[in-house]
Amino acid sequence: MHKSIYNFILENGQRLLRVPISYRTWGKLNKSRDNVILVCHTLTGDQHVDIWWKNLIGKNRAFDTNKYYIIAANVLGSCYGTLGPTSINPTTGKIYGPDFPIVSIRDTVNLHRQLLEKLNIQTIEVVVGGSMGGMLALEWAFQGNFVRKIIPIASGGKNSAWSIGINQLQRQAICSDPEWKNGDY
């Protein structure tokens, strides 16, 4: 499924127009609309929780679709249906490519919050995610009383010097690939 946010402002002040968000749902929303489990995916994942966590979602499973309304939304900057570098920039009519703005974990949480508001959801029972999804879950904890519980998996509250160094090494490996062409490939 898709929804769009027509005027989204990033944490750095940049404005994005017509931001599509891909998401999937399982189960049924109860009358009070508060039986929501939001599942956040890893950096290279997508909104298809039923594929990558297939043994956890369904009737009488950890994410019990008899009791909960499970939502998984794709992250901002992805290539799986939510606005990202391969999307068309509505201002120029061309693919964003390397001109796509740098986005933060908070930007994705803010975008997903707007999606939930469009779906008339005011409360989340649980936010769960692993790796980058865990970072998203941690950021959701700062959304006031919108979220009751978080389950961050394989994520730290802050990065160590070691993890910052490894992340920089990974970025440099990508940038040094001759096929990368400064992101304009």
N, C-alpha and C. Protein backbone atom coordinates (compact mmCIF):
# COMPACT_ATOMS: atom_id res chain seq x y z
N MET A 1 0.84 -1.17 0.00
CA MET A 1 0.00 0.00 0.00
C MET A 1 0.89 1.24 0.00
N HIS A 2 0.32 2.32 -0.45
CA HIS A 2 1.05 3.59 -0.48
C HIS A 2 0.18 4.72 0.07
N LYS A 3 0.82 5.63 0.75
CA LYS A 3 0.23 6.92 1.12
C LYS A 3 1.29 7.95 0.73
N SER A 4 0.87 9.19 0.61
CA SER A 4 1.83 10.25 0.30
C SER A 4 1.71 11.39 1.29
N ILE A 5 2.86 11.94 1.62
CA ILE A 5 2.93 13.17 2.41
C ILE A 5 3.35 14.24 1.40
N TYR A 6 2.58 15.28 1.28
CA TYR A 6 2.79 16.25 0.20
C TYR A 6 3.81 17.33 0.52
N ASN A 7 4.10 17.54 1.75
CA ASN A 7 5.05 18.58 2.10
C ASN A 7 5.76 18.11 3.38
N PHE A 8 6.94 17.53 3.21
CA PHE A 8 7.66 16.96 4.35
C PHE A 8 8.96 17.72 4.56
N ILE A 9 9.18 18.16 5.80
CA ILE A 9 10.39 18.93 6.11
C ILE A 9 11.34 18.04 6.89
N LEU A 10 12.55 17.91 6.36
CA LEU A 10 13.59 17.11 7.01
C LEU A 10 14.13 17.84 8.24
N GLU A 11 14.79 17.08 9.08
CA GLU A 11 15.40 17.63 10.28
C GLU A 11 16.38 18.76 9.94
N ASN A 12 17.05 18.67 8.78
CA ASN A 12 18.01 19.70 8.38
C ASN A 12 17.36 20.91 7.72
N GLY A 13 16.02 20.93 7.66
CA GLY A 13 15.30 22.07 7.10
C GLY A 13 14.92 21.94 5.64
N GLN A 14 15.48 20.95 4.93
CA GLN A 14 15.12 20.77 3.52
C GLN A 14 13.68 20.29 3.40
N ARG A 15 13.04 20.67 2.31
CA ARG A 15 11.64 20.32 2.06
C ARG A 15 11.58 19.30 0.94
N LEU A 16 10.78 18.26 1.15
CA LEU A 16 10.52 17.26 0.11
C LEU A 16 9.03 17.33 -0.22
N LEU A 17 8.73 17.31 -1.51
CA LEU A 17 7.34 17.37 -1.97
C LEU A 17 6.89 16.00 -2.46
N ARG A 18 5.64 15.69 -2.23
CA ARG A 18 5.03 14.44 -2.70
C ARG A 18 5.89 13.22 -2.34
N VAL A 19 5.95 12.93 -1.07
CA VAL A 19 6.76 11.82 -0.56
C VAL A 19 5.90 10.56 -0.44
N PRO A 20 6.08 9.59 -1.35
CA PRO A 20 5.33 8.34 -1.22
C PRO A 20 5.94 7.48 -0.10
N ILE A 21 5.09 6.77 0.62
CA ILE A 21 5.52 5.85 1.67
C ILE A 21 4.88 4.50 1.38
N SER A 22 5.71 3.48 1.19
CA SER A 22 5.19 2.11 1.02
C SER A 22 5.08 1.46 2.38
N TYR A 23 3.98 0.74 2.59
CA TYR A 23 3.80 0.05 3.87
C TYR A 23 2.90 -1.15 3.66
N ARG A 24 2.93 -2.05 4.64
CA ARG A 24 2.06 -3.23 4.64
C ARG A 24 1.42 -3.34 6.01
N THR A 25 0.28 -4.00 6.07
CA THR A 25 -0.40 -4.24 7.34
C THR A 25 -0.89 -5.68 7.40
N TRP A 26 -1.04 -6.17 8.64
CA TRP A 26 -1.59 -7.49 8.91
C TRP A 26 -2.47 -7.38 10.13
N GLY A 27 -3.51 -8.19 10.23
CA GLY A 27 -4.41 -8.15 11.39
C GLY A 27 -5.46 -7.07 11.22
N LYS A 28 -6.16 -6.81 12.32
CA LYS A 28 -7.23 -5.81 12.29
C LYS A 28 -7.03 -4.78 13.38
N LEU A 29 -7.33 -3.55 13.04
CA LEU A 29 -7.27 -2.45 13.98
C LEU A 29 -8.52 -2.54 14.88
N ASN A 30 -8.33 -2.46 16.19
CA ASN A 30 -9.48 -2.54 17.10
C ASN A 30 -10.22 -1.18 17.12
N LYS A 31 -11.35 -1.16 17.82
CA LYS A 31 -12.18 0.06 17.84
C LYS A 31 -11.44 1.25 18.43
N SER A 32 -10.63 1.03 19.46
CA SER A 32 -9.90 2.15 20.06
C SER A 32 -8.61 2.48 19.30
N ARG A 33 -8.31 1.71 18.26
CA ARG A 33 -7.18 1.96 17.35
C ARG A 33 -5.85 2.01 18.10
N ASP A 34 -5.71 1.17 19.11
CA ASP A 34 -4.49 1.20 19.91
C ASP A 34 -3.79 -0.17 20.03
N ASN A 35 -4.15 -1.11 19.17
CA ASN A 35 -3.53 -2.43 19.19
C ASN A 35 -2.45 -2.57 18.12
N VAL A 36 -1.69 -1.51 17.92
CA VAL A 36 -0.72 -1.42 16.82
C VAL A 36 0.66 -1.87 17.27
N ILE A 37 1.25 -2.74 16.45
CA ILE A 37 2.67 -3.06 16.55
C ILE A 37 3.31 -2.51 15.28
N LEU A 38 4.28 -1.64 15.45
CA LEU A 38 5.02 -1.09 14.33
C LEU A 38 6.35 -1.82 14.25
N VAL A 39 6.60 -2.46 13.11
CA VAL A 39 7.85 -3.19 12.90
C VAL A 39 8.74 -2.36 11.97
N CYS A 40 9.95 -2.05 12.45
CA CYS A 40 10.90 -1.24 11.69
C CYS A 40 11.98 -2.15 11.11
N HIS A 41 12.32 -1.94 9.86
CA HIS A 41 13.25 -2.86 9.20
C HIS A 41 14.70 -2.37 9.22
N THR A 42 15.60 -3.28 8.86
CA THR A 42 17.03 -2.99 8.80
C THR A 42 17.33 -2.07 7.61
N LEU A 43 18.59 -1.66 7.51
CA LEU A 43 19.00 -0.76 6.43
C LEU A 43 18.65 -1.32 5.06
N THR A 44 18.91 -2.59 4.83
CA THR A 44 18.68 -3.18 3.50
C THR A 44 17.36 -3.91 3.41
N GLY A 45 16.49 -3.75 4.41
CA GLY A 45 15.21 -4.43 4.41
C GLY A 45 14.12 -3.64 3.73
N ASP A 46 12.89 -4.10 3.93
CA ASP A 46 11.73 -3.44 3.35
C ASP A 46 10.52 -3.70 4.24
N GLN A 47 9.35 -3.38 3.73
CA GLN A 47 8.13 -3.48 4.51
C GLN A 47 7.52 -4.88 4.53
N HIS A 48 8.16 -5.85 3.94
CA HIS A 48 7.62 -7.21 3.84
C HIS A 48 8.02 -8.08 5.03
N VAL A 49 7.52 -7.73 6.20
CA VAL A 49 7.82 -8.46 7.44
C VAL A 49 7.42 -9.92 7.31
N ASP A 50 6.35 -10.19 6.59
CA ASP A 50 5.87 -11.57 6.45
C ASP A 50 6.87 -12.44 5.69
N ILE A 51 7.85 -11.85 5.05
CA ILE A 51 8.90 -12.61 4.36
C ILE A 51 10.13 -12.73 5.25
N TRP A 52 10.63 -11.61 5.79
CA TRP A 52 11.89 -11.67 6.53
C TRP A 52 11.73 -12.06 7.99
N TRP A 53 10.55 -11.95 8.56
CA TRP A 53 10.28 -12.47 9.91
C TRP A 53 9.05 -13.38 9.84
N LYS A 54 9.00 -14.24 8.82
CA LYS A 54 7.80 -15.02 8.53
C LYS A 54 7.34 -15.91 9.68
N ASN A 55 8.26 -16.38 10.51
CA ASN A 55 7.87 -17.25 11.63
C ASN A 55 7.37 -16.46 12.85
N LEU A 56 7.45 -15.14 12.80
CA LEU A 56 7.02 -14.33 13.93
C LEU A 56 5.65 -13.68 13.75
N ILE A 57 5.20 -13.59 12.50
CA ILE A 57 3.95 -12.87 12.24
C ILE A 57 2.87 -13.85 11.81
N GLY A 58 1.70 -13.70 12.41
CA GLY A 58 0.56 -14.54 12.06
C GLY A 58 -0.28 -14.87 13.28
N LYS A 59 -1.28 -15.66 13.06
CA LYS A 59 -2.18 -16.04 14.15
C LYS A 59 -1.44 -16.89 15.18
N ASN A 60 -1.59 -16.50 16.45
CA ASN A 60 -0.98 -17.20 17.59
C ASN A 60 0.55 -17.21 17.56
N ARG A 61 1.15 -16.25 16.90
CA ARG A 61 2.62 -16.11 16.89
C ARG A 61 3.01 -14.88 17.70
N ALA A 62 4.31 -14.60 17.76
CA ALA A 62 4.78 -13.45 18.56
C ALA A 62 4.06 -12.16 18.17
N PHE A 63 3.94 -11.90 16.89
CA PHE A 63 3.17 -10.76 16.41
C PHE A 63 1.82 -11.33 15.96
N ASP A 64 0.95 -11.51 16.94
CA ASP A 64 -0.30 -12.24 16.77
C ASP A 64 -1.33 -11.38 16.04
N THR A 65 -1.66 -11.79 14.83
CA THR A 65 -2.61 -11.03 14.02
C THR A 65 -4.05 -11.22 14.50
N ASN A 66 -4.28 -12.11 15.47
CA ASN A 66 -5.59 -12.20 16.13
C ASN A 66 -5.80 -11.02 17.07
N LYS A 67 -4.70 -10.52 17.64
CA LYS A 67 -4.78 -9.47 18.66
C LYS A 67 -4.30 -8.11 18.17
N TYR A 68 -3.32 -8.11 17.27
CA TYR A 68 -2.64 -6.87 16.92
C TYR A 68 -2.80 -6.51 15.45
N TYR A 69 -2.69 -5.22 15.22
CA TYR A 69 -2.62 -4.67 13.87
C TYR A 69 -1.16 -4.34 13.64
N ILE A 70 -0.53 -5.10 12.78
CA ILE A 70 0.91 -4.94 12.55
C ILE A 70 1.10 -4.07 11.31
N ILE A 71 1.98 -3.09 11.45
CA ILE A 71 2.32 -2.19 10.34
C ILE A 71 3.83 -2.21 10.16
N ALA A 72 4.25 -2.27 8.92
CA ALA A 72 5.66 -2.11 8.59
C ALA A 72 5.73 -1.12 7.44
N ALA A 73 6.46 -0.03 7.65
CA ALA A 73 6.60 1.00 6.62
C ALA A 73 8.05 1.05 6.15
N ASN A 74 8.21 1.30 4.88
CA ASN A 74 9.54 1.40 4.29
C ASN A 74 10.19 2.72 4.70
N VAL A 75 11.51 2.71 4.85
CA VAL A 75 12.22 3.90 5.33
C VAL A 75 12.43 4.93 4.23
N LEU A 76 12.58 6.16 4.63
CA LEU A 76 12.90 7.27 3.74
C LEU A 76 14.30 7.07 3.16
N GLY A 77 14.43 7.22 1.87
CA GLY A 77 15.72 7.03 1.20
C GLY A 77 15.91 5.64 0.63
N SER A 78 14.90 4.81 0.74
CA SER A 78 14.99 3.43 0.28
C SER A 78 14.69 3.32 -1.20
N CYS A 79 14.97 2.16 -1.74
CA CYS A 79 14.63 1.90 -3.14
C CYS A 79 13.44 0.95 -3.24
N TYR A 80 12.69 0.79 -2.14
CA TYR A 80 11.58 -0.16 -2.12
C TYR A 80 10.22 0.51 -2.02
N GLY A 81 10.04 1.63 -2.66
CA GLY A 81 8.72 2.24 -2.75
C GLY A 81 8.52 3.55 -2.01
N THR A 82 9.35 3.81 -1.01
CA THR A 82 9.30 5.11 -0.34
C THR A 82 10.31 6.01 -1.05
N LEU A 83 10.10 7.31 -0.98
CA LEU A 83 10.96 8.26 -1.68
C LEU A 83 12.43 8.01 -1.41
N GLY A 84 13.23 7.96 -2.47
CA GLY A 84 14.66 7.73 -2.34
C GLY A 84 15.41 8.27 -3.55
N PRO A 85 16.71 8.00 -3.64
CA PRO A 85 17.53 8.53 -4.73
C PRO A 85 17.10 8.10 -6.13
N THR A 86 16.38 6.98 -6.26
CA THR A 86 15.92 6.55 -7.59
C THR A 86 14.56 7.14 -7.95
N SER A 87 13.98 7.93 -7.05
CA SER A 87 12.68 8.57 -7.30
C SER A 87 12.86 9.81 -8.17
N ILE A 88 11.78 10.22 -8.80
CA ILE A 88 11.76 11.45 -9.60
C ILE A 88 11.57 12.64 -8.67
N ASN A 89 12.42 13.61 -8.81
CA ASN A 89 12.29 14.87 -8.07
C ASN A 89 11.18 15.67 -8.76
N PRO A 90 10.07 15.95 -8.06
CA PRO A 90 8.96 16.66 -8.72
C PRO A 90 9.32 18.08 -9.14
N THR A 91 10.35 18.65 -8.55
CA THR A 91 10.75 20.01 -8.91
C THR A 91 11.51 20.04 -10.23
N THR A 92 12.38 19.04 -10.47
CA THR A 92 13.20 19.02 -11.69
C THR A 92 12.68 18.08 -12.76
N GLY A 93 11.86 17.10 -12.36
CA GLY A 93 11.39 16.10 -13.31
C GLY A 93 12.44 15.03 -13.61
N LYS A 94 13.56 15.07 -12.89
CA LYS A 94 14.65 14.10 -13.11
C LYS A 94 14.83 13.25 -11.84
N ILE A 95 15.51 12.13 -12.01
CA ILE A 95 15.82 11.27 -10.87
C ILE A 95 16.72 12.04 -9.90
N TYR A 96 16.43 11.92 -8.59
CA TYR A 96 17.25 12.59 -7.59
C TYR A 96 18.71 12.20 -7.70
N GLY A 97 19.00 10.89 -7.78
CA GLY A 97 20.38 10.42 -7.82
C GLY A 97 21.17 10.97 -6.64
N PRO A 98 22.40 11.42 -6.88
CA PRO A 98 23.23 11.91 -5.78
C PRO A 98 22.74 13.22 -5.16
N ASP A 99 21.72 13.85 -5.76
CA ASP A 99 21.16 15.07 -5.19
C ASP A 99 20.12 14.78 -4.10
N PHE A 100 19.82 13.50 -3.88
CA PHE A 100 18.87 13.18 -2.82
C PHE A 100 19.47 13.62 -1.49
N PRO A 101 18.67 14.29 -0.66
CA PRO A 101 19.23 14.83 0.58
C PRO A 101 19.62 13.72 1.57
N ILE A 102 20.54 14.05 2.44
CA ILE A 102 20.91 13.15 3.52
C ILE A 102 19.76 13.16 4.52
N VAL A 103 19.30 11.97 4.89
CA VAL A 103 18.19 11.86 5.83
C VAL A 103 18.67 11.19 7.11
N SER A 104 17.95 11.45 8.19
CA SER A 104 18.33 10.91 9.49
C SER A 104 17.31 9.87 9.95
N ILE A 105 17.67 9.16 11.00
CA ILE A 105 16.74 8.23 11.65
C ILE A 105 15.48 9.00 12.09
N ARG A 106 15.69 10.18 12.66
CA ARG A 106 14.56 11.00 13.11
C ARG A 106 13.65 11.38 11.94
N ASP A 107 14.23 11.63 10.76
CA ASP A 107 13.42 11.96 9.58
C ASP A 107 12.47 10.81 9.25
N THR A 108 12.99 9.58 9.27
CA THR A 108 12.14 8.43 8.97
C THR A 108 11.05 8.28 10.02
N VAL A 109 11.39 8.42 11.29
CA VAL A 109 10.37 8.33 12.35
C VAL A 109 9.32 9.41 12.16
N ASN A 110 9.73 10.63 11.86
CA ASN A 110 8.76 11.71 11.64
C ASN A 110 7.86 11.42 10.44
N LEU A 111 8.43 10.85 9.38
CA LEU A 111 7.63 10.49 8.21
C LEU A 111 6.64 9.39 8.57
N HIS A 112 7.11 8.36 9.29
CA HIS A 112 6.22 7.27 9.68
C HIS A 112 5.13 7.75 10.64
N ARG A 113 5.47 8.70 11.47
CA ARG A 113 4.46 9.26 12.38
C ARG A 113 3.36 9.94 11.56
N GLN A 114 3.75 10.67 10.52
CA GLN A 114 2.74 11.31 9.67
C GLN A 114 1.89 10.27 8.95
N LEU A 115 2.51 9.15 8.55
CA LEU A 115 1.75 8.06 7.94
C LEU A 115 0.71 7.54 8.93
N LEU A 116 1.13 7.27 10.17
CA LEU A 116 0.20 6.76 11.17
C LEU A 116 -0.92 7.75 11.45
N GLU A 117 -0.60 9.03 11.47
CA GLU A 117 -1.64 10.04 11.66
C GLU A 117 -2.63 10.04 10.50
N LYS A 118 -2.14 9.82 9.27
CA LYS A 118 -3.04 9.71 8.11
C LYS A 118 -3.95 8.49 8.24
N LEU A 119 -3.44 7.45 8.91
CA LEU A 119 -4.24 6.25 9.14
C LEU A 119 -5.10 6.37 10.40
N ASN A 120 -5.11 7.55 11.00
CA ASN A 120 -5.87 7.85 12.22
C ASN A 120 -5.47 6.96 13.39
N ILE A 121 -4.16 6.72 13.51
CA ILE A 121 -3.62 5.96 14.63
C ILE A 121 -2.90 6.94 15.55
N GLN A 122 -3.33 6.98 16.80
CA GLN A 122 -2.80 7.93 17.77
C GLN A 122 -1.92 7.28 18.83
N THR A 123 -1.90 5.94 18.87
CA THR A 123 -1.14 5.23 19.89
C THR A 123 -0.55 3.96 19.28
N ILE A 124 0.70 3.66 19.65
CA ILE A 124 1.35 2.42 19.24
C ILE A 124 1.62 1.61 20.51
N GLU A 125 1.20 0.36 20.50
CA GLU A 125 1.45 -0.53 21.63
C GLU A 125 2.94 -0.86 21.74
N VAL A 126 3.54 -1.26 20.61
CA VAL A 126 4.94 -1.67 20.59
C VAL A 126 5.58 -1.24 19.28
N VAL A 127 6.81 -0.73 19.36
CA VAL A 127 7.66 -0.53 18.18
C VAL A 127 8.82 -1.49 18.34
N VAL A 128 9.08 -2.31 17.33
CA VAL A 128 10.16 -3.29 17.37
C VAL A 128 10.97 -3.19 16.09
N GLY A 129 12.28 -3.41 16.21
CA GLY A 129 13.12 -3.42 15.02
C GLY A 129 14.53 -3.86 15.36
N GLY A 130 15.20 -4.40 14.37
CA GLY A 130 16.57 -4.85 14.54
C GLY A 130 17.54 -4.01 13.74
N SER A 131 18.75 -3.85 14.26
CA SER A 131 19.82 -3.08 13.63
C SER A 131 19.33 -1.64 13.41
N MET A 132 19.27 -1.18 12.16
CA MET A 132 18.75 0.18 11.94
C MET A 132 17.31 0.29 12.42
N GLY A 133 16.54 -0.78 12.30
CA GLY A 133 15.18 -0.79 12.82
C GLY A 133 15.16 -0.58 14.32
N GLY A 134 16.19 -1.09 15.01
CA GLY A 134 16.33 -0.86 16.45
C GLY A 134 16.62 0.60 16.74
N MET A 135 17.42 1.24 15.87
CA MET A 135 17.68 2.67 16.03
C MET A 135 16.38 3.46 15.86
N LEU A 136 15.56 3.04 14.90
CA LEU A 136 14.25 3.68 14.71
C LEU A 136 13.39 3.49 15.96
N ALA A 137 13.38 2.28 16.52
CA ALA A 137 12.61 2.02 17.74
C ALA A 137 13.07 2.92 18.87
N LEU A 138 14.38 3.09 19.01
CA LEU A 138 14.90 3.98 20.06
C LEU A 138 14.43 5.41 19.84
N GLU A 139 14.45 5.87 18.60
CA GLU A 139 13.98 7.23 18.31
C GLU A 139 12.48 7.37 18.59
N TRP A 140 11.71 6.31 18.35
CA TRP A 140 10.28 6.35 18.65
C TRP A 140 10.04 6.61 20.13
N ALA A 141 10.98 6.20 21.00
CA ALA A 141 10.81 6.42 22.44
C ALA A 141 10.71 7.91 22.78
N PHE A 142 11.18 8.77 21.88
CA PHE A 142 11.14 10.22 22.11
C PHE A 142 9.87 10.86 21.56
N GLN A 143 8.89 10.05 21.19
CA GLN A 143 7.65 10.56 20.62
C GLN A 143 6.57 10.79 21.68
N GLY A 144 7.00 11.08 22.90
CA GLY A 144 6.04 11.34 23.97
C GLY A 144 5.29 10.08 24.34
N ASN A 145 4.01 10.23 24.66
CA ASN A 145 3.24 9.05 25.03
C ASN A 145 2.53 8.41 23.83
N PHE A 146 3.03 8.64 22.65
CA PHE A 146 2.50 8.03 21.43
C PHE A 146 2.81 6.54 21.41
N VAL A 147 3.95 6.15 22.01
CA VAL A 147 4.42 4.76 22.01
C VAL A 147 4.45 4.24 23.44
N ARG A 148 3.87 3.06 23.64
CA ARG A 148 3.85 2.47 24.98
C ARG A 148 5.13 1.71 25.30
N LYS A 149 5.65 0.91 24.33
CA LYS A 149 6.84 0.08 24.55
C LYS A 149 7.70 0.06 23.29
N ILE A 150 9.01 -0.11 23.50
CA ILE A 150 9.91 -0.30 22.37
C ILE A 150 10.72 -1.57 22.59
N ILE A 151 11.06 -2.24 21.49
CA ILE A 151 11.93 -3.41 21.53
C ILE A 151 13.02 -3.21 20.49
N PRO A 152 14.12 -2.53 20.87
CA PRO A 152 15.25 -2.40 19.94
C PRO A 152 16.09 -3.68 20.00
N ILE A 153 16.41 -4.22 18.85
CA ILE A 153 17.20 -5.45 18.75
C ILE A 153 18.50 -5.15 18.02
N ALA A 154 19.62 -5.59 18.58
CA ALA A 154 20.94 -5.42 17.96
C ALA A 154 21.23 -3.96 17.63
N SER A 155 20.87 -3.07 18.56
CA SER A 155 21.11 -1.64 18.40
C SER A 155 21.57 -1.07 19.73
N GLY A 156 22.49 -0.13 19.65
CA GLY A 156 22.95 0.54 20.86
C GLY A 156 22.34 1.92 20.97
N GLY A 157 22.35 2.42 22.17
CA GLY A 157 21.84 3.77 22.41
C GLY A 157 22.76 4.84 21.84
N LYS A 158 24.02 4.47 21.59
CA LYS A 158 24.96 5.39 20.97
C LYS A 158 26.04 4.57 20.27
N ASN A 159 26.70 5.19 19.31
CA ASN A 159 27.77 4.51 18.58
C ASN A 159 29.10 4.68 19.29
N SER A 160 29.87 3.62 19.30
CA SER A 160 31.23 3.69 19.83
C SER A 160 32.16 4.23 18.75
N ALA A 161 33.35 4.61 19.14
CA ALA A 161 34.35 5.06 18.16
C ALA A 161 34.60 3.95 17.14
N TRP A 162 34.59 2.71 17.61
CA TRP A 162 34.81 1.56 16.71
C TRP A 162 33.71 1.49 15.65
N SER A 163 32.44 1.59 16.04
CA SER A 163 31.36 1.48 15.06
C SER A 163 31.34 2.68 14.11
N ILE A 164 31.69 3.84 14.60
CA ILE A 164 31.77 5.02 13.72
C ILE A 164 32.86 4.79 12.68
N GLY A 165 33.99 4.25 13.11
CA GLY A 165 35.09 3.96 12.19
C GLY A 165 34.70 2.92 11.14
N ILE A 166 34.02 1.87 11.56
CA ILE A 166 33.58 0.82 10.61
C ILE A 166 32.59 1.40 9.61
N ASN A 167 31.66 2.23 10.08
CA ASN A 167 30.70 2.87 9.17
C ASN A 167 31.42 3.74 8.14
N GLN A 168 32.42 4.49 8.57
CA GLN A 168 33.18 5.34 7.65
C GLN A 168 33.93 4.47 6.63
N LEU A 169 34.50 3.36 7.09
CA LEU A 169 35.19 2.43 6.19
C LEU A 169 34.24 1.90 5.13
N GLN A 170 33.03 1.57 5.52
CA GLN A 170 32.03 1.09 4.56
C GLN A 170 31.68 2.16 3.54
N ARG A 171 31.50 3.39 4.00
CA ARG A 171 31.21 4.49 3.05
C ARG A 171 32.36 4.69 2.07
N GLN A 172 33.59 4.65 2.57
CA GLN A 172 34.75 4.83 1.71
C GLN A 172 34.89 3.69 0.69
N ALA A 173 34.52 2.48 1.08
CA ALA A 173 34.56 1.35 0.14
C ALA A 173 33.60 1.59 -1.01
N ILE A 174 32.41 2.10 -0.71
CA ILE A 174 31.43 2.40 -1.75
C ILE A 174 31.96 3.51 -2.65
N CYS A 175 32.48 4.57 -2.05
CA CYS A 175 32.95 5.73 -2.82
C CYS A 175 34.16 5.40 -3.69
N SER A 176 34.94 4.42 -3.30
CA SER A 176 36.14 4.09 -4.08
C SER A 176 35.85 3.12 -5.22
N ASP A 177 34.64 2.60 -5.31
CA ASP A 177 34.26 1.72 -6.40
C ASP A 177 34.18 2.54 -7.69
N PRO A 178 34.96 2.19 -8.73
CA PRO A 178 34.94 3.00 -9.96
C PRO A 178 33.57 3.03 -10.64
N GLU A 179 32.72 2.07 -10.38
CA GLU A 179 31.38 2.05 -10.97
C GLU A 179 30.41 2.98 -10.24
N TRP A 180 30.81 3.48 -9.06
CA TRP A 180 29.93 4.33 -8.27
C TRP A 180 29.76 5.71 -8.91
N LYS A 181 30.81 6.24 -9.52
CA LYS A 181 30.78 7.52 -10.26
C LYS A 181 30.16 8.65 -9.44
N ASN A 182 30.62 8.79 -8.19
CA ASN A 182 30.12 9.83 -7.27
C ASN A 182 28.60 9.75 -7.05
N GLY A 183 28.07 8.55 -7.17
CA GLY A 183 26.64 8.35 -6.94
C GLY A 183 25.78 8.60 -8.17
N ASP A 184 26.37 8.97 -9.28
CA ASP A 184 25.61 9.24 -10.51
C ASP A 184 25.82 8.09 -11.49
N TYR A 185 25.27 6.94 -11.14
CA TYR A 185 25.47 5.74 -11.97
C TYR A 185 24.18 5.29 -12.61
